[in-house]
């Protein structure tokens, strides 16, 4: 079974996700010895980006005074890492290579959401995935985008380039939007808090289900 997973494209994508996670953990641990404040902010950004979304991750970075380069690249890194895990697990469970009950149940939930959006994107191909990932709505994002891309039989390279390009542009827009508000109106903390509350309301059932099944 392990050999079959490693030999598949999805298995290799999963391994890339593991390597990215290891590098992230090592990097945060090194930061903790040199700059505990930075390490705490990076860890919190990772958690909020994963459970709430990229806007939360960008907001944390800006509130800690990090510039455009670190904020954008770090949040894109997190999104790529998450996509590597979710995309590979979705495909491997779809192909019945991975049969763990918890993973299959979680992937089934993602599939239900993806099916409702698939027909809207199908005729637009790569550009459809790009726009879907870029638009800041509760159901959008690179995870759902790549799953829809797989359902549309899009090749992994084409699928990932569309999703990564979309999330890169979205994160850039979030950064400059928050940065503009912070510099001119000093309201970014309240807007950021409002976004977190709204996202938590929209994703309450998903987060509750994830914690319940963990």
Foldseek 3Di string as FASTA:
>chain_A
DLVVLCPDPLSVLLVVLVVLVVVLVVVLVVCCVVPVVVSVLLVVLLVCCVPQRLLLSLLSCVVVPHDDVCSLVSSLSSQSSVLSNLLSLLVCVVVVVDDDPLSVVLSVVLVVLLVVCLVVQLVVQLQSLLQQQQDPDLNGHLNSSLVSCVVSVHDPVSSVVSRSNSPSVNSSVSNVVLVVCCVPPVCSVVVSVVSRVVSCVVCVVVVVVNVVSD
